[in-house]
């Protein structure tokens, strides 16, 4: 029997799960897993949407935390990463043909995997690129997703030697001249804890680096110009107040204040124009707040358990005045990808 999930030293596969592959609209195979809670009846299911370069194995710890609280977790590897189908012959290049492919994958996963096999109500936790995908899809998800948690959503980019504007402009030009498959420059050096912008927790950092080292097929290198250009267009779209007003799902934005990937100011600006969203800043935390040191990670988990329906702290969250107005149930609108 094919091994779908990888049991690694110090990072075991959570108990009581089902896993496999589903087929995207264009035939790409995407790996998924559903993790069941030992608590019955279940309080609902969290759809977990990853960031760029991530895979299901990276979230085993968080999955155990959520299932221990009575929630099921349904998740999948984004196209082009993890054990889902890669988009280019060189599978190490992070690539997407159109950003709408990500949106269609998410909606197909909800409709064909999560709704039939998981437990209602459905909520969603989406990190970084996953947060951008969730924001882009959210106007069509009302009536399916009851609560949305965005962890450091990818709505901006810290410039390095070049500003974010120049990076996105160069990516657009490369796409225009037919070089969209060109990967972004990379030093090729292995990641270093001392210079990383993702987490201040050394053990979790080394655990996550060890996943790709132990299972090389889960590794991913730099993004292509096409990936950057498609994300830049999606960022412009989701940050438009006209788009944000179409999102009626009550949303919690977890914004790490020392985020070295997505500027905190960009996340703050998003929340300012997002009527259904509430910002929770986490001072001292870096980009991957669910992979952070306990003093930051526990703040994020406490907020999640207080916000997602069915948790014991929901009434306390509402009494603090942080509960968005409830929205009427409505059917999922037809998707448009023109």
Protein backbone atom coordinates (compact mmCIF):
# COMPACT_ATOMS: atom_id res chain seq x y z
CA UNK A 1 0.00 0.00 0.00
CA UNK A 2 1.30 3.45 -0.92
CA UNK A 3 2.39 5.64 1.98
CA UNK A 4 0.41 8.88 1.68
CA UNK A 5 1.56 10.64 4.88
CA UNK A 6 5.09 10.41 6.25
CA UNK A 7 5.70 9.40 9.87
CA UNK A 8 8.94 11.13 10.87
CA UNK A 9 11.06 11.04 14.04
CA UNK A 10 9.73 13.64 16.46
CA UNK A 11 6.84 14.38 14.11
CA UNK A 12 4.46 11.39 14.06
CA UNK A 13 1.32 11.24 11.95
CA UNK A 14 -1.71 12.06 14.15
CA UNK A 15 -3.99 9.13 14.88
CA UNK A 16 -7.36 8.39 13.33
CA UNK A 17 -7.15 9.82 9.83
CA UNK A 18 -8.00 9.09 6.24
CA UNK A 19 -5.82 10.25 3.36
CA UNK A 20 -5.50 10.03 -0.38
CA UNK A 21 -5.57 12.10 -3.54
CA UNK A 22 -8.30 14.03 -5.32
CA UNK A 23 -8.28 15.33 -8.88
CA UNK A 24 -8.36 19.05 -9.69
CA UNK A 25 -10.34 20.57 -12.56
CA UNK A 26 -7.36 20.24 -14.91
CA UNK A 27 -6.37 16.72 -13.92
CA UNK A 28 -3.68 17.61 -11.33
CA UNK A 29 -3.58 15.15 -8.42
CA UNK A 30 -3.71 16.82 -4.99
CA UNK A 31 -2.87 15.02 -1.75
CA UNK A 32 -5.32 15.41 1.13
CA UNK A 33 -5.99 14.12 4.64
CA UNK A 34 -8.82 14.32 7.15
CA UNK A 35 -7.95 13.95 10.84
CA UNK A 36 -10.74 12.96 13.23
CA UNK A 37 -11.07 14.14 16.81
CA UNK A 38 -11.22 11.58 19.62
CA UNK A 39 -14.00 13.70 21.14
CA UNK A 40 -17.56 12.78 20.18
CA UNK A 41 -19.65 14.47 19.03
CA UNK A 42 -17.19 16.60 17.07
CA UNK A 43 -17.52 20.39 17.32
CA UNK A 44 -16.97 20.81 13.57
CA UNK A 45 -14.16 20.72 11.04
CA UNK A 46 -11.33 23.13 10.28
CA UNK A 47 -10.21 23.42 6.65
CA UNK A 48 -6.46 24.08 6.89
CA UNK A 49 -4.92 25.88 3.88
CA UNK A 50 -1.12 26.01 3.72
CA UNK A 51 1.39 28.67 2.78
CA UNK A 52 3.91 28.42 -0.05
CA UNK A 53 6.46 25.56 0.30
CA UNK A 54 4.42 23.89 3.06
CA UNK A 55 2.97 20.40 3.29
CA UNK A 56 0.61 18.42 5.50
CA UNK A 57 3.47 17.02 7.62
CA UNK A 58 4.44 20.52 8.76
CA UNK A 59 1.09 20.90 10.53
CA UNK A 60 0.95 17.63 12.48
CA UNK A 61 1.50 19.45 15.79
CA UNK A 62 -1.24 22.00 15.09
CA UNK A 63 -3.57 19.25 13.86
CA UNK A 64 -3.14 17.42 17.19
CA UNK A 65 -3.94 20.64 19.07
CA UNK A 66 -7.15 21.14 17.07
CA UNK A 67 -8.35 17.55 17.27
CA UNK A 68 -7.69 17.51 21.03
CA UNK A 69 -10.13 20.44 21.26
CA UNK A 70 -12.87 18.46 19.56
CA UNK A 71 -12.37 19.64 15.99
CA UNK A 72 -11.70 17.56 12.89
CA UNK A 73 -9.11 18.90 10.45
CA UNK A 74 -9.29 18.58 6.65
CA UNK A 75 -6.27 19.72 4.68
CA UNK A 76 -4.45 19.26 1.38
CA UNK A 77 -1.15 20.12 -0.30
CA UNK A 78 -1.45 23.07 -2.66
CA UNK A 79 -0.77 22.29 -6.31
CA UNK A 80 2.93 22.49 -7.11
CA UNK A 81 4.13 21.58 -3.62
CA UNK A 82 4.19 18.81 -1.05
CA UNK A 83 3.07 15.57 -2.69
CA UNK A 84 0.55 17.25 -4.95
CA UNK A 85 1.31 17.42 -8.66
CA UNK A 86 4.12 19.76 -9.66
CA UNK A 87 3.51 22.31 -12.39
CA UNK A 88 6.88 22.28 -14.17
CA UNK A 89 9.36 19.65 -15.31
CA UNK A 90 11.72 21.02 -12.66
CA UNK A 91 9.46 20.34 -9.70
CA UNK A 92 11.60 22.41 -7.34
CA UNK A 93 10.32 25.63 -8.91
CA UNK A 94 7.21 26.98 -7.18
CA UNK A 95 4.80 27.70 -10.02
CA UNK A 96 1.13 28.29 -10.78
CA UNK A 97 -0.42 28.86 -14.20
CA UNK A 98 -3.24 31.08 -12.94
CA UNK A 99 -4.06 32.10 -9.38
CA UNK A 100 -7.65 31.05 -10.01
CA UNK A 101 -6.38 27.44 -10.14
CA UNK A 102 -5.70 27.72 -6.40
CA UNK A 103 -9.23 29.03 -5.84
CA UNK A 104 -10.82 26.24 -7.84
CA UNK A 105 -8.77 23.64 -5.95
CA UNK A 106 -9.99 24.99 -2.60
CA UNK A 107 -13.63 25.05 -3.64
CA UNK A 108 -13.40 21.56 -5.13
CA UNK A 109 -11.79 20.27 -1.94
CA UNK A 110 -14.59 21.73 0.16
CA UNK A 111 -17.37 20.42 -2.09
CA UNK A 112 -16.01 16.97 -2.96
CA UNK A 113 -13.91 16.01 0.07
CA UNK A 114 -14.67 18.07 3.19
CA UNK A 115 -18.45 18.38 2.96
CA UNK A 116 -19.11 14.67 2.28
CA UNK A 117 -16.53 13.24 4.70
CA UNK A 118 -16.05 15.74 7.54
CA UNK A 119 -18.27 17.14 10.30
CA UNK A 120 -20.20 20.41 10.19
CA UNK A 121 -19.88 23.29 10.76
CA UNK A 122 -16.87 24.03 8.58
CA UNK A 123 -14.38 26.74 9.54
CA UNK A 124 -11.10 27.62 7.88
CA UNK A 125 -7.56 28.47 9.00
CA UNK A 126 -5.42 29.77 6.14
CA UNK A 127 -1.77 30.79 6.40
CA UNK A 128 0.19 33.21 4.17
CA UNK A 129 -0.41 32.18 0.53
CA UNK A 130 -3.30 30.09 1.84
CA UNK A 131 -4.68 33.29 3.34
CA UNK A 132 -4.52 35.00 -0.04
CA UNK A 133 -6.34 32.04 -1.61
CA UNK A 134 -8.99 32.16 1.12
CA UNK A 135 -9.50 35.92 0.70
CA UNK A 136 -9.86 35.54 -3.06
CA UNK A 137 -12.40 32.72 -2.66
CA UNK A 138 -14.27 34.07 0.38
CA UNK A 139 -17.12 35.89 -1.44
CA UNK A 140 -18.16 32.50 -2.88
CA UNK A 141 -17.78 30.57 0.39
CA UNK A 142 -20.58 32.13 2.44
CA UNK A 143 -22.96 29.40 3.51
CA UNK A 144 -20.17 26.81 3.43
CA UNK A 145 -17.55 28.32 5.79
CA UNK A 146 -18.86 29.68 9.10
CA UNK A 147 -15.63 31.30 10.36
CA UNK A 148 -12.35 32.23 8.71
CA UNK A 149 -8.97 32.65 10.43
CA UNK A 150 -6.18 34.24 8.41
CA UNK A 151 -2.64 33.75 9.70
CA UNK A 152 -0.25 36.37 8.26
CA UNK A 153 -2.16 36.48 4.93
CA UNK A 154 0.03 37.19 1.90
CA UNK A 155 -1.20 40.71 1.13
CA UNK A 156 2.22 42.33 0.79
CA UNK A 157 5.88 41.44 0.49
CA UNK A 158 8.94 42.60 2.36
CA UNK A 159 11.54 43.77 -0.13
CA UNK A 160 15.08 42.52 0.25
CA UNK A 161 17.71 43.99 -2.05
CA UNK A 162 14.78 45.17 -4.19
CA UNK A 163 11.48 46.67 -3.08
CA UNK A 164 8.30 44.63 -3.38
CA UNK A 165 7.14 46.94 -6.18
CA UNK A 166 10.29 46.26 -8.20
CA UNK A 167 10.08 42.50 -7.56
CA UNK A 168 6.50 42.35 -8.82
CA UNK A 169 7.29 44.62 -11.77
CA UNK A 170 10.20 42.44 -12.86
CA UNK A 171 8.00 39.36 -12.56
CA UNK A 172 5.34 41.00 -14.74
CA UNK A 173 7.89 41.92 -17.42
CA UNK A 174 9.33 38.39 -17.47
CA UNK A 175 5.82 37.02 -18.00
CA UNK A 176 5.16 39.49 -20.82
CA UNK A 177 8.27 38.36 -22.71
CA UNK A 178 7.52 34.67 -22.29
CA UNK A 179 9.87 33.93 -19.39
CA UNK A 180 7.27 33.28 -16.72
CA UNK A 181 8.87 29.96 -15.78
CA UNK A 182 12.08 31.71 -14.69
CA UNK A 183 12.70 31.12 -10.95
CA UNK A 184 13.50 33.97 -8.60
CA UNK A 185 17.18 34.28 -7.65
CA UNK A 186 18.25 32.03 -4.80
CA UNK A 187 21.52 31.65 -2.92
CA UNK A 188 21.11 27.88 -2.92
CA UNK A 189 22.38 27.78 0.68
CA UNK A 190 20.47 25.71 3.26
CA UNK A 191 18.23 27.79 5.55
CA UNK A 192 19.85 29.07 8.72
CA UNK A 193 18.01 29.53 12.01
CA UNK A 194 20.02 32.64 12.86
CA UNK A 195 18.90 34.47 9.73
CA UNK A 196 15.38 33.04 9.30
CA UNK A 197 12.32 35.32 9.32
CA UNK A 198 9.76 32.57 9.95
CA UNK A 199 10.03 31.58 13.61
CA UNK A 200 12.00 32.28 16.76
CA UNK A 201 11.58 28.66 17.91
CA UNK A 202 14.72 26.69 17.06
CA UNK A 203 13.24 23.23 17.69
CA UNK A 204 10.25 23.83 15.42
CA UNK A 205 12.48 25.43 12.80
CA UNK A 206 14.79 22.39 12.77
CA UNK A 207 11.83 20.01 12.74
CA UNK A 208 10.38 21.71 9.67
CA UNK A 209 13.74 21.76 7.86
CA UNK A 210 14.08 18.08 8.71
CA UNK A 211 10.83 17.20 6.91
CA UNK A 212 12.25 18.10 3.50
CA UNK A 213 15.62 16.59 4.40
CA UNK A 214 13.99 13.26 5.31
CA UNK A 215 11.50 13.26 2.41
CA UNK A 216 13.11 15.22 -0.48
CA UNK A 217 9.97 14.98 -2.62
CA UNK A 218 8.29 17.38 -0.17
CA UNK A 219 10.89 20.11 -0.75
CA UNK A 220 10.29 23.23 -2.84
CA UNK A 221 12.64 25.93 -4.09
CA UNK A 222 12.10 29.55 -5.15
CA UNK A 223 8.93 30.77 -6.91
CA UNK A 224 8.79 31.54 -10.60
CA UNK A 225 8.05 34.91 -12.16
CA UNK A 226 4.59 33.63 -13.10
CA UNK A 227 3.86 32.67 -9.50
CA UNK A 228 4.89 36.13 -8.28
CA UNK A 229 2.90 37.89 -10.99
CA UNK A 230 -0.25 35.86 -10.35
CA UNK A 231 0.01 36.52 -6.61
CA UNK A 232 0.58 40.24 -7.18
CA UNK A 233 -2.62 40.45 -9.22
CA UNK A 234 -4.51 38.52 -6.53
CA UNK A 235 -3.17 40.84 -3.79
CA UNK A 236 -4.43 43.89 -5.69
CA UNK A 237 -7.82 42.23 -6.10
CA UNK A 238 -8.38 41.10 -2.51
CA UNK A 239 -7.20 44.40 -1.02
CA UNK A 240 -9.74 46.36 -3.06
CA UNK A 241 -12.47 47.58 -0.66
CA UNK A 242 -15.06 46.54 -3.27
CA UNK A 243 -13.87 42.93 -2.93
CA UNK A 244 -13.67 43.05 0.86
CA UNK A 245 -17.27 44.25 1.15
CA UNK A 246 -18.35 41.04 -0.61
CA UNK A 247 -16.88 38.92 2.20
CA UNK A 248 -19.53 38.23 4.83
CA UNK A 249 -17.79 35.38 6.69
CA UNK A 250 -16.72 36.56 10.18
CA UNK A 251 -12.92 36.67 9.95
CA UNK A 252 -10.05 36.81 12.44
CA UNK A 253 -6.68 38.11 11.20
CA UNK A 254 -3.69 36.89 13.21
CA UNK A 255 -0.96 39.42 12.45
CA UNK A 256 2.56 38.76 13.81
CA UNK A 257 4.16 42.13 14.39
CA UNK A 258 7.71 41.00 13.52
CA UNK A 259 6.62 39.34 10.28
CA UNK A 260 9.62 39.30 7.94
CA UNK A 261 7.66 38.06 4.91
CA UNK A 262 4.39 40.00 4.89
CA UNK A 263 4.70 43.52 6.34
CA UNK A 264 2.58 44.00 9.45
CA UNK A 265 1.47 47.34 8.00
CA UNK A 266 -0.01 45.56 4.97
CA UNK A 267 -2.03 43.26 7.23
CA UNK A 268 -3.15 46.22 9.31
CA UNK A 269 -4.21 48.08 6.16
CA UNK A 270 -6.24 45.08 5.02
CA UNK A 271 -8.09 44.94 8.34
CA UNK A 272 -8.87 48.65 8.20
CA UNK A 273 -11.00 48.14 5.08
CA UNK A 274 -12.39 44.70 6.01
CA UNK A 275 -15.77 45.04 7.72
CA UNK A 276 -16.11 41.30 8.43
CA UNK A 277 -12.55 41.09 9.77
CA UNK A 278 -11.00 41.71 13.18
CA UNK A 279 -7.23 42.13 13.59
CA UNK A 280 -5.36 40.47 16.44
CA UNK A 281 -1.74 41.60 16.50
CA UNK A 282 0.80 39.32 18.17
CA UNK A 283 3.80 41.38 19.36
CA UNK A 284 7.16 39.65 18.97
CA UNK A 285 5.91 36.89 16.67
CA UNK A 286 7.40 36.18 13.25
CA UNK A 287 5.66 35.07 10.06
CA UNK A 288 4.77 31.45 10.91
CA UNK A 289 2.82 32.07 14.10
CA UNK A 290 1.59 28.46 14.35
CA UNK A 291 5.24 27.32 14.17
CA UNK A 292 6.38 29.94 16.68
CA UNK A 293 7.65 29.74 20.26
CA UNK A 294 4.95 28.74 22.76
CA UNK A 295 4.51 32.25 24.16
CA UNK A 296 3.36 33.44 20.72
CA UNK A 297 1.81 30.25 19.42
CA UNK A 298 -0.43 29.85 22.45
CA UNK A 299 -1.85 33.34 21.90
CA UNK A 300 -2.81 32.35 18.37
CA UNK A 301 -4.33 29.02 19.45
CA UNK A 302 -6.31 30.65 22.27
CA UNK A 303 -7.74 33.17 19.82
CA UNK A 304 -8.61 30.41 17.35
CA UNK A 305 -10.40 28.32 19.99
CA UNK A 306 -12.29 31.40 21.18
CA UNK A 307 -13.35 32.34 17.67
CA UNK A 308 -14.27 29.09 15.96
CA UNK A 309 -17.85 27.96 16.74
CA UNK A 310 -18.29 25.19 19.24
CA UNK A 311 -15.37 26.10 21.47
CA UNK A 312 -15.94 26.78 25.16
CA UNK A 313 -14.62 30.33 24.84
CA UNK A 314 -16.98 31.53 22.08
CA UNK A 315 -19.30 33.36 24.48
CA UNK A 316 -16.33 35.06 26.16
CA UNK A 317 -15.07 36.25 22.76
CA UNK A 318 -18.47 37.76 22.02
CA UNK A 319 -18.67 39.44 25.43
CA UNK A 320 -15.39 41.21 24.68
CA UNK A 321 -17.00 42.90 21.71
CA UNK A 322 -14.91 41.08 19.11
CA UNK A 323 -17.71 39.08 17.54
CA UNK A 324 -18.67 40.31 14.02
CA UNK A 325 -22.36 40.52 13.31
CA UNK A 326 -23.77 37.10 12.33
CA UNK A 327 -24.40 36.73 8.63
CA UNK A 328 -27.39 34.99 7.03
CA UNK A 329 -26.80 31.60 5.48
CA UNK A 330 -26.67 31.68 1.71
CA UNK A 331 -25.76 29.29 -1.06
CA UNK A 332 -22.41 29.26 -2.78
CA UNK A 333 -22.45 31.54 -5.78
CA UNK A 334 -21.25 30.20 -9.13
CA UNK A 335 -17.49 30.52 -9.57
CA UNK A 336 -16.07 32.84 -12.21
CA UNK A 337 -12.53 32.47 -13.49
CA UNK A 338 -12.49 34.71 -16.55
